Amino acid sequence: MQKSWMKYKKSRKTKVKQKLKQMAKEAKEAEELSKTIKEKKRPCNENDLQAMIQKRNAGRLDDLISNLESKYVKKGKKRSEPDDAEFERIQAKLKKRK
């Protein structure tokens, strides 16, 4: 039991050191990635920022209009329109009534 306990203590110390080293490496990589992401998202000047805002607002307006159209535009016709021959026949029938 003594030998296995000593072996565990020794291996545990090395495993903890390895894990801490790995975590530090991952933290450094994450910090570098976050810096690059922040640099990419940051607009270079006011014109870029203004263009981004206008693009976003235009997209929002298009979405608003399409949502309103889908809500309030009449649904499709329930029956199909008559072809020319049938239309003429109906017109002639109506003229006879007058």
Protein backbone atom coordinates (compact mmCIF):
# COMPACT_ATOMS: atom_id res chain seq x y z
CA MET A 1 0.00 0.00 0.00
CA GLN A 2 2.87 2.37 0.82
CA LYS A 3 4.44 1.93 -2.60
CA SER A 4 1.26 2.56 -4.50
CA TRP A 5 0.52 5.66 -2.40
CA MET A 6 3.97 7.11 -3.04
CA LYS A 7 3.67 6.34 -6.71
CA TYR A 8 0.27 8.08 -6.79
CA LYS A 9 1.61 11.17 -5.02
CA LYS A 10 4.53 11.44 -7.41
CA SER A 11 2.43 10.92 -10.54
CA ARG A 12 -0.21 13.30 -9.22
CA LYS A 13 2.31 16.13 -8.89
CA THR A 14 3.51 15.66 -12.45
CA LYS A 15 -0.04 15.44 -13.79
CA VAL A 16 -1.00 18.64 -11.98
CA LYS A 17 2.04 20.43 -13.42
CA GLN A 18 1.21 19.17 -16.91
CA LYS A 19 -2.42 20.28 -16.57
CA LEU A 20 -1.40 23.75 -15.33
CA LYS A 21 1.06 24.10 -18.21
CA GLN A 22 -1.62 23.05 -20.70
CA MET A 23 -4.15 25.48 -19.20
CA ALA A 24 -1.65 28.35 -19.38
CA LYS A 25 -0.95 27.54 -23.03
CA GLU A 26 -4.67 27.47 -23.84
CA ALA A 27 -5.22 30.77 -22.00
CA LYS A 28 -2.45 32.40 -24.03
CA GLU A 29 -3.93 31.10 -27.30
CA ALA A 30 -7.40 32.30 -26.30
CA GLU A 31 -6.05 35.75 -25.48
CA GLU A 32 -4.31 35.98 -28.87
CA LEU A 33 -7.47 34.89 -30.67
CA SER A 34 -9.61 37.39 -28.79
CA LYS A 35 -7.20 40.18 -29.76
CA THR A 36 -7.37 39.25 -33.44
CA ILE A 37 -11.16 39.02 -33.32
CA LYS A 38 -11.44 42.43 -31.68
CA GLU A 39 -9.11 43.93 -34.29
CA LYS A 40 -11.18 42.52 -37.14
CA LYS A 41 -14.47 43.76 -35.72
CA ARG A 42 -13.27 47.26 -34.91
CA PRO A 43 -14.01 49.72 -37.74
CA CYS A 44 -10.97 51.59 -39.01
CA ASN A 45 -12.62 55.01 -39.16
CA GLU A 46 -15.97 56.77 -38.90
CA ASN A 47 -16.86 56.10 -42.54
CA ASP A 48 -16.57 52.36 -42.00
CA LEU A 49 -18.69 52.57 -38.88
CA GLN A 50 -21.29 54.66 -40.68
CA ALA A 51 -21.39 52.20 -43.58
CA MET A 52 -21.85 49.29 -41.18
CA ILE A 53 -24.73 51.06 -39.42
CA GLN A 54 -26.43 51.97 -42.70
CA LYS A 55 -26.11 48.42 -43.98
CA ARG A 56 -27.62 47.05 -40.78
CA ASN A 57 -30.49 49.56 -40.85
CA ALA A 58 -31.22 48.82 -44.52
CA GLY A 59 -31.40 45.12 -43.74
CA ARG A 60 -33.75 45.80 -40.84
CA LEU A 61 -35.99 47.95 -43.06
CA ASP A 62 -36.13 45.23 -45.72
CA ASP A 63 -37.10 42.68 -43.08
CA LEU A 64 -39.80 44.98 -41.73
CA ILE A 65 -41.27 45.55 -45.17
CA SER A 66 -41.25 41.86 -46.06
CA ASN A 67 -42.92 40.99 -42.74
CA LEU A 68 -45.64 43.60 -43.32
CA GLU A 69 -46.16 42.40 -46.89
CA SER A 70 -46.58 38.82 -45.80
CA LYS A 71 -49.02 39.90 -43.12
CA TYR A 72 -51.24 42.29 -45.08
CA VAL A 73 -50.98 41.32 -48.75
CA LYS A 74 -54.05 39.53 -50.03
CA LYS A 75 -53.80 35.82 -50.28
CA GLY A 76 -53.85 34.12 -53.65
CA LYS A 77 -57.08 33.93 -55.61
CA LYS A 78 -59.35 31.11 -54.63
CA ARG A 79 -60.24 30.19 -58.18
CA SER A 80 -58.36 30.61 -61.41
CA GLU A 81 -59.18 33.34 -63.91
CA PRO A 82 -61.25 32.27 -66.90
CA ASP A 83 -59.51 31.96 -70.22
CA ASP A 84 -60.40 34.32 -73.09
CA ALA A 85 -63.05 32.08 -74.65
CA GLU A 86 -64.86 31.58 -71.36
CA PHE A 87 -64.65 35.31 -70.59
CA GLU A 88 -66.25 36.18 -73.95
CA ARG A 89 -69.00 33.63 -73.33
CA ILE A 90 -69.79 35.14 -69.93
CA GLN A 91 -69.76 38.68 -71.36
CA ALA A 92 -72.17 37.67 -74.13
CA LYS A 93 -74.49 36.06 -71.57
CA LEU A 94 -74.50 39.25 -69.47
CA LYS A 95 -75.22 41.43 -72.52
CA LYS A 96 -78.24 39.28 -73.41
CA ARG A 97 -79.74 39.93 -69.96
CA LYS A 98 -79.68 43.70 -70.51
